[in-house]
Amino acid sequence: MRICSLLISSSLLVIGCGKGSDPTPNPMPITQPTGGASPQTAAQVFATRCVPCHGSTGNGDGVASATLNPKPRKFNDGAWQTSVTDEYIEKIIKFGGAAVGKSPAMPNNPDLSDQTVISGLKDIVRGFKK
């Protein structure tokens, strides 16, 4: 059952990753808990939206990455981690690759309105720094 759910999630994310600069919301909206988001919410979003392309180890080798050109960012690239600000990471999470002059295959996430979730995702990305 878990594998089936992962495959369905991955399939939906491939569709979401390949939509280019389409301004439609991510196809997998999250339900944010009342009173603010928890770190678990950011982890859930990362697992469902980021892992299929960026991989669970941040190496840019998720199951959906095989068909993407350019390849997804490797979050564990120390030189890249040093070269970008937290604000840049949060901007690309919220507005997508096209908003920062990068690949439009990195979708926007306009439904992530809770800054706590965006900050939590940035912290997860920063956690891959070697």
C-alpha atoms as a PDB file:
ATOM      1  CA  MET A   1       0.000   0.000   0.000  1.00  0.00           C
ATOM      2  CA  ARG A   2       2.822   2.415   0.886  1.00  0.00           C
ATOM      3  CA  ILE A   3       4.591   1.734  -2.419  1.00  0.00           C
ATOM      4  CA  CYS A   4       1.340   2.336  -4.293  1.00  0.00           C
ATOM      5  CA  SER A   5       0.864   5.660  -2.509  1.00  0.00           C
ATOM      6  CA  LEU A   6       4.453   6.644  -3.300  1.00  0.00           C
ATOM      7  CA  LEU A   7       4.013   5.788  -6.972  1.00  0.00           C
ATOM      8  CA  ILE A   8       0.791   7.779  -7.191  1.00  0.00           C
ATOM      9  CA  SER A   9       2.413  10.729  -5.419  1.00  0.00           C
ATOM     10  CA  SER A  10       5.458  10.523  -7.687  1.00  0.00           C
ATOM     11  CA  SER A  11       3.279  10.409 -10.784  1.00  0.00           C
ATOM     12  CA  LEU A  12       1.377  13.491  -9.710  1.00  0.00           C
ATOM     13  CA  LEU A  13       4.594  15.293  -8.909  1.00  0.00           C
ATOM     14  CA  VAL A  14       6.090  14.500 -12.295  1.00  0.00           C
ATOM     15  CA  ILE A  15       3.047  16.183 -13.766  1.00  0.00           C
ATOM     16  CA  GLY A  16       3.588  19.124 -11.406  1.00  0.00           C
ATOM     17  CA  CYS A  17       7.330  19.331 -12.126  1.00  0.00           C
ATOM     18  CA  GLY A  18       6.802  19.324 -15.862  1.00  0.00           C
ATOM     19  CA  LYS A  19       4.260  22.100 -15.985  1.00  0.00           C
ATOM     20  CA  GLY A  20       6.822  24.804 -16.700  1.00  0.00           C
ATOM     21  CA  SER A  21       5.841  28.323 -15.759  1.00  0.00           C
ATOM     22  CA  ASP A  22       2.148  27.489 -15.496  1.00  0.00           C
ATOM     23  CA  PRO A  23       0.810  29.645 -12.648  1.00  0.00           C
ATOM     24  CA  THR A  24      -1.675  27.036 -11.440  1.00  0.00           C
ATOM     25  CA  PRO A  25      -1.192  25.843  -7.858  1.00  0.00           C
ATOM     26  CA  ASN A  26       0.689  22.680  -7.038  1.00  0.00           C
ATOM     27  CA  PRO A  27      -1.594  19.679  -7.656  1.00  0.00           C
ATOM     28  CA  MET A  28      -1.059  18.394  -4.116  1.00  0.00           C
ATOM     29  CA  PRO A  29      -2.272  21.129  -1.759  1.00  0.00           C
ATOM     30  CA  ILE A  30      -1.591  20.671   1.913  1.00  0.00           C
ATOM     31  CA  THR A  31      -3.925  21.197   4.794  1.00  0.00           C
ATOM     32  CA  GLN A  32      -2.233  23.411   7.326  1.00  0.00           C
ATOM     33  CA  PRO A  33      -3.134  22.844  10.969  1.00  0.00           C
ATOM     34  CA  THR A  34      -4.966  25.513  12.913  1.00  0.00           C
ATOM     35  CA  GLY A  35      -2.600  27.701  14.903  1.00  0.00           C
ATOM     36  CA  GLY A  36       0.337  27.487  12.501  1.00  0.00           C
ATOM     37  CA  ALA A  37       2.282  24.759  10.798  1.00  0.00           C
ATOM     38  CA  SER A  38       4.470  22.248  12.541  1.00  0.00           C
ATOM     39  CA  PRO A  39       7.902  20.983  11.461  1.00  0.00           C
ATOM     40  CA  GLN A  40       6.110  17.767  10.519  1.00  0.00           C
ATOM     41  CA  THR A  41       4.064  19.733   7.972  1.00  0.00           C
ATOM     42  CA  ALA A  42       7.269  20.961   6.281  1.00  0.00           C
ATOM     43  CA  ALA A  43       8.631  17.401   6.318  1.00  0.00           C
ATOM     44  CA  GLN A  44       5.387  16.143   4.744  1.00  0.00           C
ATOM     45  CA  VAL A  45       5.549  18.779   2.015  1.00  0.00           C
ATOM     46  CA  PHE A  46       9.216  17.991   1.363  1.00  0.00           C
ATOM     47  CA  ALA A  47       8.501  14.259   1.100  1.00  0.00           C
ATOM     48  CA  THR A  48       5.623  14.704  -1.328  1.00  0.00           C
ATOM     49  CA  ARG A  49       6.764  17.655  -3.425  1.00  0.00           C
ATOM     50  CA  CYS A  50      10.567  17.799  -3.283  1.00  0.00           C
ATOM     51  CA  VAL A  51      11.851  14.229  -2.908  1.00  0.00           C
ATOM     52  CA  PRO A  52      10.552  12.995  -6.285  1.00  0.00           C
ATOM     53  CA  CYS A  53      12.920  15.403  -8.071  1.00  0.00           C
ATOM     54  CA  HIS A  54      15.617  16.307  -5.538  1.00  0.00           C
ATOM     55  CA  GLY A  55      15.824  12.873  -3.877  1.00  0.00           C
ATOM     56  CA  SER A  56      15.647  11.912  -0.229  1.00  0.00           C
ATOM     57  CA  THR A  57      19.357  12.648   0.243  1.00  0.00           C
ATOM     58  CA  GLY A  58      19.261  15.985  -1.595  1.00  0.00           C
ATOM     59  CA  ASN A  59      21.420  14.673  -4.424  1.00  0.00           C
ATOM     60  CA  GLY A  60      19.033  15.683  -7.229  1.00  0.00           C
ATOM     61  CA  ASP A  61      18.382  12.038  -8.035  1.00  0.00           C
ATOM     62  CA  GLY A  62      14.709  11.530  -7.253  1.00  0.00           C
ATOM     63  CA  VAL A  63      12.622   9.194  -9.405  1.00  0.00           C
ATOM     64  CA  ALA A  64      11.274  12.089 -11.486  1.00  0.00           C
ATOM     65  CA  SER A  65      14.724  13.576 -12.147  1.00  0.00           C
ATOM     66  CA  ALA A  66      15.581  11.138 -14.939  1.00  0.00           C
ATOM     67  CA  THR A  67      13.427  13.016 -17.451  1.00  0.00           C
ATOM     68  CA  LEU A  68      14.304  16.546 -16.360  1.00  0.00           C
ATOM     69  CA  ASN A  69      16.747  18.816 -18.168  1.00  0.00           C
ATOM     70  CA  PRO A  70      18.345  20.603 -16.464  1.00  0.00           C
ATOM     71  CA  LYS A  71      18.655  18.170 -13.595  1.00  0.00           C
ATOM     72  CA  PRO A  72      17.292  19.225 -10.193  1.00  0.00           C
ATOM     73  CA  ARG A  73      19.510  21.148  -7.807  1.00  0.00           C
ATOM     74  CA  LYS A  74      21.756  19.044  -5.578  1.00  0.00           C
ATOM     75  CA  PHE A  75      21.023  20.383  -2.110  1.00  0.00           C
ATOM     76  CA  ASN A  76      24.122  18.645  -0.739  1.00  0.00           C
ATOM     77  CA  ASP A  77      26.411  20.781  -2.952  1.00  0.00           C
ATOM     78  CA  GLY A  78      28.395  22.754  -0.392  1.00  0.00           C
ATOM     79  CA  ALA A  79      29.480  25.418  -2.882  1.00  0.00           C
ATOM     80  CA  TRP A  80      25.863  26.089  -3.862  1.00  0.00           C
ATOM     81  CA  GLN A  81      24.756  26.128  -0.211  1.00  0.00           C
ATOM     82  CA  THR A  82      27.383  28.784   0.536  1.00  0.00           C
ATOM     83  CA  SER A  83      26.467  30.855  -2.516  1.00  0.00           C
ATOM     84  CA  VAL A  84      22.747  31.319  -1.782  1.00  0.00           C
ATOM     85  CA  THR A  85      20.855  33.153   0.927  1.00  0.00           C
ATOM     86  CA  ASP A  86      17.981  31.831   2.975  1.00  0.00           C
ATOM     87  CA  GLU A  87      15.756  34.412   1.285  1.00  0.00           C
ATOM     88  CA  TYR A  88      16.701  33.032  -2.157  1.00  0.00           C
ATOM     89  CA  ILE A  89      15.808  29.487  -1.111  1.00  0.00           C
ATOM     90  CA  GLU A  90      12.477  30.642   0.301  1.00  0.00           C
ATOM     91  CA  LYS A  91      11.720  32.633  -2.858  1.00  0.00           C
ATOM     92  CA  ILE A  92      12.332  29.665  -5.143  1.00  0.00           C
ATOM     93  CA  ILE A  93      10.198  27.435  -2.895  1.00  0.00           C
ATOM     94  CA  LYS A  94       7.280  29.852  -3.028  1.00  0.00           C
ATOM     95  CA  PHE A  95       7.545  31.233  -6.572  1.00  0.00           C
ATOM     96  CA  GLY A  96       9.394  28.498  -8.503  1.00  0.00           C
ATOM     97  CA  GLY A  97      12.475  28.413 -10.689  1.00  0.00           C
ATOM     98  CA  ALA A  98      11.333  30.965 -13.251  1.00  0.00           C
ATOM     99  CA  ALA A  99      11.055  33.615 -10.510  1.00  0.00           C
ATOM    100  CA  VAL A 100      14.819  33.487  -9.943  1.00  0.00           C
ATOM    101  CA  GLY A 101      15.940  32.941 -13.531  1.00  0.00           C
ATOM    102  CA  LYS A 102      16.214  29.170 -13.185  1.00  0.00           C
ATOM    103  CA  SER A 103      14.379  26.269 -14.771  1.00  0.00           C
ATOM    104  CA  PRO A 104      10.612  26.675 -14.937  1.00  0.00           C
ATOM    105  CA  ALA A 105      10.430  22.904 -14.299  1.00  0.00           C
ATOM    106  CA  MET A 106      10.795  23.835 -10.613  1.00  0.00           C
ATOM    107  CA  PRO A 107       7.113  24.559  -9.922  1.00  0.00           C
ATOM    108  CA  ASN A 108       5.768  27.381  -7.842  1.00  0.00           C
ATOM    109  CA  ASN A 109       3.893  26.643  -4.616  1.00  0.00           C
ATOM    110  CA  PRO A 110       1.415  29.497  -4.181  1.00  0.00           C
ATOM    111  CA  ASP A 111      -0.667  27.439  -1.752  1.00  0.00           C
ATOM    112  CA  LEU A 112       2.173  27.547   0.782  1.00  0.00           C
ATOM    113  CA  SER A 113       0.974  30.693   2.488  1.00  0.00           C
ATOM    114  CA  ASP A 114       2.283  29.812   5.941  1.00  0.00           C
ATOM    115  CA  GLN A 115       5.778  31.266   6.349  1.00  0.00           C
ATOM    116  CA  THR A 116       6.489  28.589   8.965  1.00  0.00           C
ATOM    117  CA  VAL A 117       6.184  25.876   6.298  1.00  0.00           C
ATOM    118  CA  ILE A 118       8.354  27.800   3.829  1.00  0.00           C
ATOM    119  CA  SER A 119      10.966  28.398   6.513  1.00  0.00           C
ATOM    120  CA  GLY A 120      10.792  24.731   7.526  1.00  0.00           C
ATOM    121  CA  LEU A 121      11.405  23.674   3.913  1.00  0.00           C
ATOM    122  CA  LYS A 122      14.367  26.059   3.727  1.00  0.00           C
ATOM    123  CA  ASP A 123      15.729  24.482   6.920  1.00  0.00           C
ATOM    124  CA  ILE A 124      15.397  21.010   5.393  1.00  0.00           C
ATOM    125  CA  VAL A 125      17.289  22.172   2.284  1.00  0.00           C
ATOM    126  CA  ARG A 126      19.980  23.739   4.499  1.00  0.00           C
ATOM    127  CA  GLY A 127      20.210  20.473   6.437  1.00  0.00           C
ATOM    128  CA  PHE A 128      21.766  18.780   3.392  1.00  0.00           C
ATOM    129  CA  LYS A 129      24.851  21.033   3.517  1.00  0.00           C
ATOM    130  CA  LYS A 130      28.004  18.977   3.797  1.00  0.00           C
END
